[in-house]
Amino acid sequence: MVDMSVDIAGLCLRNPVMLASGTFGHGAEYAGWLDFTRIGGVVTKTITMSPRAGNRPPRTVETPAGMLNSIGLQNPGLEGFIAEKLPALKDLPTAVVVSIAGTSVEEFAEMARRLDGLPGVHALELNISSPNMKDGGMLFGCSPRAAHDVTAAVKRAVRTPLIVKLTPNVTDIAEIAAAVEEGGADAVALINTLLGMAVDARTRRPILGNVTGGLSGPAIKPVALAMTWRVARRVRIPVVGMGGISTARDAVEFLIVGASAVQVGTATFIHPTCALEVAEGIEAYCREAGVSRVQEIVGTLKAE
């Protein structure tokens, strides 16, 4: 019997597999046919203070081994989320992490304060890394000082475990991770999407309505693995890895380089129950390796 449980700074997961933000609605939409008792948790679609209609279409385009999206954080806003989405999330038999994005330090802190302690909110994920916000959301994740300050402000406002999601679109992601750790983050999650674009050669126009978008899927896995490894060596807080995970082997690789848990995202568009197979596959790997606790394989890369 393998102990698959994970504790991410007070966020207790039955196994290390979570559903990533923006790829599974708010989570409750899949209740009734997805067995949530077989995954560690779900991260909601990112919420902003005010409702957002999102970017103009087209919003998605396929790429080799992945996809570009430019949704623009479409969501019902904080009040709409609390009234319309959270009641159903309270009944999910898994951990619920609410993703939030703000346009100022004060807005981030106020949103976190409003959500702190609400039934059904087990942790918060600060999205300081979206490439689809035109009003400054990504800038927090590109500057060590800005990332530190927004983390510190939110940490002062809440008791709920705080995970900060990092962007790969920086020179040194480990420096950003160290800054949010100093700011009081309980864990970091990485990577968000890579900035990319697609062009229609016939019309000579961008395919996405927002011109650029976020690249995700298997194509970004090597980048995500390397960045997860670098960050795990730099910080002492838990690391949640993501980026191109579609199989149990992918997930195990993230654990080996230092992630304590993983998130499955784009793969669910093709195979909505992919996360269940990933969780089962990790357990099978542990059994075959003679490992009794999944955490025993975390950070076991033999790099020398």
Protein backbone atom coordinates (compact mmCIF):
# COMPACT_ATOMS: atom_id res chain seq x y z
CA MET A 1 0.00 0.00 0.00
CA VAL A 2 1.44 3.37 -1.03
CA ASP A 3 0.80 6.47 1.07
CA MET A 4 -0.13 8.99 -1.63
CA SER A 5 -1.06 11.85 0.71
CA VAL A 6 0.66 15.22 0.42
CA ASP A 7 0.74 18.24 2.72
CA ILE A 8 1.41 21.49 0.86
CA ALA A 9 2.00 23.88 3.74
CA GLY A 10 -1.29 22.98 5.41
CA LEU A 11 -3.19 22.09 2.25
CA CYS A 12 -3.87 18.39 2.68
CA LEU A 13 -4.19 16.39 -0.54
CA ARG A 14 -5.09 12.69 -0.78
CA ASN A 15 -2.63 12.40 -3.67
CA PRO A 16 -0.27 14.82 -5.46
CA VAL A 17 -2.44 15.35 -8.56
CA MET A 18 -4.49 18.52 -9.00
CA LEU A 19 -6.49 19.96 -11.89
CA ALA A 20 -4.93 23.19 -13.13
CA SER A 21 -6.64 26.57 -13.23
CA GLY A 22 -8.38 27.57 -16.44
CA THR A 23 -8.64 24.07 -17.87
CA PHE A 24 -11.53 22.58 -15.90
CA GLY A 25 -14.00 25.40 -15.38
CA HIS A 26 -14.42 26.00 -11.68
CA GLY A 27 -14.46 22.26 -11.05
CA ALA A 28 -18.01 21.64 -9.91
CA GLU A 29 -19.23 21.55 -13.51
CA TYR A 30 -17.77 18.04 -13.73
CA ALA A 31 -19.37 16.70 -10.54
CA GLY A 32 -21.50 13.65 -11.21
CA TRP A 33 -19.26 11.98 -13.75
CA LEU A 34 -15.70 12.70 -12.57
CA ASP A 35 -14.74 10.91 -9.35
CA PHE A 36 -13.20 13.74 -7.33
CA THR A 37 -12.34 11.31 -4.53
CA ARG A 38 -9.52 10.03 -6.76
CA ILE A 39 -7.64 13.32 -7.21
CA GLY A 40 -5.84 15.57 -4.79
CA GLY A 41 -7.54 18.83 -5.62
CA VAL A 42 -8.88 21.29 -8.15
CA VAL A 43 -7.79 24.86 -8.86
CA THR A 44 -10.60 27.11 -9.99
CA LYS A 45 -10.58 29.28 -13.07
CA THR A 46 -8.96 32.57 -12.08
CA ILE A 47 -11.26 35.11 -10.44
CA THR A 48 -10.85 38.88 -10.68
CA MET A 49 -12.45 41.56 -8.54
CA SER A 50 -14.88 42.64 -11.26
CA PRO A 51 -16.52 40.45 -13.92
CA ARG A 52 -14.52 40.12 -17.14
CA ALA A 53 -15.87 39.30 -20.59
CA GLY A 54 -12.41 38.19 -21.71
CA ASN A 55 -10.52 38.90 -24.91
CA ARG A 56 -12.14 39.09 -28.32
CA PRO A 57 -12.11 35.89 -30.41
CA PRO A 58 -10.49 33.87 -31.79
CA ARG A 59 -9.25 32.80 -28.36
CA THR A 60 -7.57 29.47 -29.03
CA VAL A 61 -5.44 27.93 -31.75
CA GLU A 62 -3.77 24.53 -32.00
CA THR A 63 0.00 24.33 -32.26
CA PRO A 64 2.38 21.41 -32.73
CA ALA A 65 2.20 19.44 -29.45
CA GLY A 66 0.11 22.08 -27.73
CA MET A 67 -2.19 25.05 -27.98
CA LEU A 68 -2.30 28.81 -27.61
CA ASN A 69 -5.05 30.42 -25.57
CA SER A 70 -6.00 34.02 -25.10
CA ILE A 71 -9.18 33.74 -23.03
CA GLY A 72 -8.44 36.90 -21.07
CA LEU A 73 -9.55 35.58 -17.66
CA GLN A 74 -13.26 35.60 -18.46
CA ASN A 75 -15.05 35.14 -15.12
CA PRO A 76 -18.08 36.34 -13.10
CA GLY A 77 -16.04 38.47 -10.71
CA LEU A 78 -15.52 37.96 -6.98
CA GLU A 79 -19.12 38.55 -5.93
CA GLY A 80 -20.45 36.36 -8.72
CA PHE A 81 -18.02 33.58 -7.82
CA ILE A 82 -19.00 33.62 -4.14
CA ALA A 83 -22.71 33.64 -4.96
CA GLU A 84 -22.82 31.37 -8.02
CA LYS A 85 -19.81 29.04 -7.98
CA LEU A 86 -18.64 28.55 -4.41
CA PRO A 87 -21.83 26.86 -3.09
CA ALA A 88 -21.31 23.90 -5.43
CA LEU A 89 -17.56 23.77 -4.73
CA LYS A 90 -18.25 23.28 -1.01
CA ASP A 91 -19.66 19.83 -1.77
CA LEU A 92 -16.73 18.55 -3.85
CA PRO A 93 -14.95 15.70 -2.03
CA THR A 94 -11.50 17.11 -2.77
CA ALA A 95 -9.37 20.12 -1.92
CA VAL A 96 -10.41 23.37 -3.61
CA VAL A 97 -7.83 26.03 -4.40
CA VAL A 98 -9.24 29.38 -5.55
CA SER A 99 -7.13 31.24 -8.10
CA ILE A 100 -7.25 35.03 -7.95
CA ALA A 101 -5.75 37.87 -10.02
CA GLY A 102 -5.73 41.57 -9.28
CA THR A 103 -4.55 44.78 -10.91
CA SER A 104 -3.01 46.23 -7.76
CA VAL A 105 -1.51 45.03 -4.49
CA GLU A 106 -4.53 46.38 -2.66
CA GLU A 107 -6.96 44.57 -4.94
CA PHE A 108 -5.15 41.26 -4.51
CA ALA A 109 -5.21 41.66 -0.72
CA GLU A 110 -8.88 42.63 -0.62
CA MET A 111 -9.92 39.67 -2.75
CA ALA A 112 -7.91 37.29 -0.58
CA ARG A 113 -9.39 38.79 2.57
CA ARG A 114 -12.92 38.26 1.26
CA LEU A 115 -12.23 34.61 0.45
CA ASP A 116 -10.23 33.74 3.55
CA GLY A 117 -12.05 31.24 5.73
CA LEU A 118 -15.08 30.78 3.48
CA PRO A 119 -16.40 27.19 3.45
CA GLY A 120 -15.04 25.37 0.43
CA VAL A 121 -11.90 27.50 0.11
CA HIS A 122 -8.97 25.34 1.22
CA ALA A 123 -6.16 27.46 -0.26
CA LEU A 124 -5.55 30.44 -2.52
CA GLU A 125 -3.42 30.53 -5.65
CA LEU A 126 -2.17 34.00 -6.61
CA ASN A 127 -2.09 34.27 -10.37
CA ILE A 128 0.65 36.85 -10.84
CA SER A 129 1.61 35.26 -14.13
CA SER A 130 -1.16 35.40 -16.71
CA PRO A 131 0.03 36.49 -20.17
CA ASN A 132 -3.54 37.44 -21.11
CA MET A 133 -4.20 40.43 -18.85
CA LYS A 134 -3.85 43.84 -20.49
CA ASP A 135 -4.10 45.70 -17.19
CA GLY A 136 -0.91 44.70 -15.43
CA GLY A 137 -1.60 41.26 -13.99
CA MET A 138 1.55 39.70 -15.37
CA LEU A 139 3.80 42.52 -14.23
CA PHE A 140 3.68 41.31 -10.63
CA GLY A 141 5.27 38.05 -11.71
CA CYS A 142 8.02 39.68 -13.78
CA SER A 143 9.57 41.75 -10.99
CA PRO A 144 11.06 40.25 -7.80
CA ARG A 145 10.06 43.33 -5.80
CA ALA A 146 6.51 43.45 -7.14
CA ALA A 147 6.11 39.70 -6.62
CA HIS A 148 7.39 40.01 -3.06
CA ASP A 149 5.16 42.95 -2.20
CA VAL A 150 1.92 41.46 -3.48
CA THR A 151 2.68 38.16 -1.74
CA ALA A 152 3.45 39.91 1.54
CA ALA A 153 0.26 41.98 1.37
CA VAL A 154 -1.91 38.94 0.77
CA LYS A 155 -0.13 36.90 3.42
CA ARG A 156 -0.86 39.60 6.00
CA ALA A 157 -4.54 39.47 5.05
CA VAL A 158 -5.19 35.72 5.27
CA ARG A 159 -4.65 32.53 7.25
CA THR A 160 -5.50 30.27 4.32
CA PRO A 161 -2.50 28.49 2.72
CA LEU A 162 -1.07 30.71 0.00
CA ILE A 163 0.36 29.38 -3.28
CA VAL A 164 1.92 31.82 -5.74
CA LYS A 165 1.84 30.88 -9.44
CA LEU A 166 4.90 31.96 -11.40
CA THR A 167 5.42 32.95 -15.01
CA PRO A 168 8.18 31.43 -17.15
CA ASN A 169 8.42 34.66 -19.14
CA VAL A 170 11.26 36.07 -17.03
CA THR A 171 15.05 35.99 -17.03
CA ASP A 172 15.41 34.12 -13.73
CA ILE A 173 12.33 32.35 -12.36
CA ALA A 174 14.27 31.12 -9.33
CA GLU A 175 14.87 34.74 -8.31
CA ILE A 176 11.13 35.43 -8.46
CA ALA A 177 10.45 32.27 -6.44
CA ALA A 178 12.92 33.35 -3.76
CA ALA A 179 11.24 36.77 -3.61
CA VAL A 180 7.76 35.35 -3.01
CA GLU A 181 9.17 32.93 -0.45
CA GLU A 182 10.62 35.91 1.41
CA GLY A 183 7.23 37.59 1.08
CA GLY A 184 5.60 34.75 2.98
CA ALA A 185 4.31 32.38 0.29
CA ASP A 186 3.53 28.93 1.63
CA ALA A 187 4.25 27.32 -1.76
CA VAL A 188 4.94 28.21 -5.38
CA ALA A 189 3.33 26.76 -8.52
CA LEU A 190 5.01 26.75 -11.91
CA ILE A 191 4.95 27.18 -14.78
CA ASN A 192 2.16 29.22 -16.27
CA THR A 193 2.01 29.42 -20.05
CA LEU A 194 4.79 30.68 -22.29
CA LEU A 195 4.06 33.78 -24.32
CA GLY A 196 3.45 32.93 -27.98
CA MET A 197 1.56 33.84 -31.12
CA ALA A 198 0.27 32.38 -34.37
CA VAL A 199 0.06 34.09 -37.77
CA ASP A 200 -2.14 33.44 -40.79
CA ALA A 201 0.35 33.67 -43.67
CA ARG A 202 -2.45 34.08 -46.23
CA THR A 203 -3.94 37.19 -44.63
CA ARG A 204 -0.75 38.26 -42.82
CA ARG A 205 -2.76 38.76 -39.68
CA PRO A 206 -2.48 37.26 -36.19
CA ILE A 207 -4.84 34.35 -35.62
CA LEU A 208 -5.65 35.23 -32.01
CA GLY A 209 -7.87 38.23 -31.43
CA ASN A 210 -5.47 39.44 -28.74
CA VAL A 211 -2.46 38.87 -31.07
CA THR A 212 -0.51 36.91 -28.44
CA GLY A 213 -1.53 34.19 -26.01
CA GLY A 214 -0.23 31.52 -23.69
CA LEU A 215 1.40 28.36 -25.04
CA SER A 216 0.62 25.17 -23.11
CA GLY A 217 0.65 21.42 -23.65
CA PRO A 218 3.39 18.79 -24.13
CA ALA A 219 5.58 21.23 -26.08
CA ILE A 220 6.43 23.19 -22.93
CA LYS A 221 7.22 20.23 -20.66
CA PRO A 222 11.03 20.36 -21.02
CA VAL A 223 11.00 24.05 -20.11
CA ALA A 224 8.69 23.42 -17.17
CA LEU A 225 10.83 20.58 -15.87
CA ALA A 226 14.01 22.65 -15.98
CA MET A 227 12.38 25.60 -14.23
CA THR A 228 10.80 23.37 -11.58
CA TRP A 229 14.23 21.84 -10.89
CA ARG A 230 15.87 25.27 -10.59
CA VAL A 231 13.19 26.62 -8.28
CA ALA A 232 13.10 23.51 -6.07
CA ARG A 233 16.84 23.89 -5.50
CA ARG A 234 16.45 27.57 -4.60
CA VAL A 235 13.49 27.64 -2.17
CA ARG A 236 12.57 25.71 0.96
CA ILE A 237 8.82 25.94 0.53
CA PRO A 238 6.89 23.26 -1.43
CA VAL A 239 6.83 23.46 -5.22
CA VAL A 240 3.82 22.49 -7.35
CA GLY A 241 4.90 21.59 -10.87
CA MET A 242 2.95 21.86 -14.10
CA GLY A 243 3.44 22.30 -17.82
CA GLY A 244 2.75 19.62 -20.40
CA ILE A 245 1.80 16.83 -18.01
CA SER A 246 -0.39 14.27 -19.74
CA THR A 247 0.85 10.92 -18.38
CA ALA A 248 1.92 9.45 -15.06
CA ARG A 249 5.49 9.33 -16.31
CA ASP A 250 5.39 13.08 -16.94
CA ALA A 251 4.15 13.66 -13.39
CA VAL A 252 6.76 11.38 -11.85
CA GLU A 253 9.49 13.34 -13.64
CA PHE A 254 8.24 16.54 -12.00
CA LEU A 255 8.28 14.86 -8.58
CA ILE A 256 11.81 13.60 -9.14
CA VAL A 257 13.12 17.09 -9.96
CA GLY A 258 11.60 18.50 -6.77
CA ALA A 259 7.86 19.13 -7.09
CA SER A 260 5.79 17.95 -4.12
CA ALA A 261 2.61 17.93 -6.22
CA VAL A 262 1.60 18.47 -9.84
CA GLN A 263 -1.21 20.03 -11.83
CA VAL A 264 -2.72 18.60 -15.01
CA GLY A 265 -4.10 21.17 -17.42
CA THR A 266 -4.22 21.18 -21.22
CA ALA A 267 -4.35 17.38 -21.44
CA THR A 268 -7.86 17.46 -19.96
CA PHE A 269 -9.19 19.15 -23.10
CA ILE A 270 -8.40 15.95 -24.99
CA HIS A 271 -8.97 13.48 -22.18
CA PRO A 272 -11.09 14.99 -19.35
CA THR A 273 -10.34 12.16 -16.91
CA CYS A 274 -6.60 12.25 -17.58
CA ALA A 275 -5.81 13.32 -14.01
CA LEU A 276 -7.31 10.12 -12.63
CA GLU A 277 -5.01 8.00 -14.77
CA VAL A 278 -2.03 10.16 -13.79
CA ALA A 279 -2.76 9.61 -10.08
CA GLU A 280 -3.16 5.85 -10.55
CA GLY A 281 0.01 5.70 -12.61
CA ILE A 282 2.07 7.50 -9.97
CA GLU A 283 0.89 4.98 -7.38
CA ALA A 284 1.79 2.10 -9.70
CA TYR A 285 5.26 3.59 -10.23
CA CYS A 286 5.79 3.79 -6.47
CA ARG A 287 4.74 0.17 -6.00
CA GLU A 288 7.09 -1.02 -8.73
CA ALA A 289 9.93 1.04 -7.25
CA GLY A 290 9.30 -0.33 -3.75
CA VAL A 291 8.39 3.12 -2.44
CA SER A 292 5.91 3.22 0.44
CA ARG A 293 5.31 7.00 0.44
CA VAL A 294 5.02 9.10 -2.70
CA GLN A 295 6.98 11.90 -1.05
CA GLU A 296 10.02 9.62 -0.92
CA ILE A 297 10.63 10.24 -4.64
CA VAL A 298 10.42 14.03 -4.41
CA GLY A 299 13.74 15.69 -5.25
CA THR A 300 15.58 12.44 -5.95
CA LEU A 301 17.15 13.50 -9.26
CA LYS A 302 20.68 12.12 -9.64
CA ALA A 303 22.19 15.09 -11.40
CA GLU A 304 25.82 14.38 -10.56
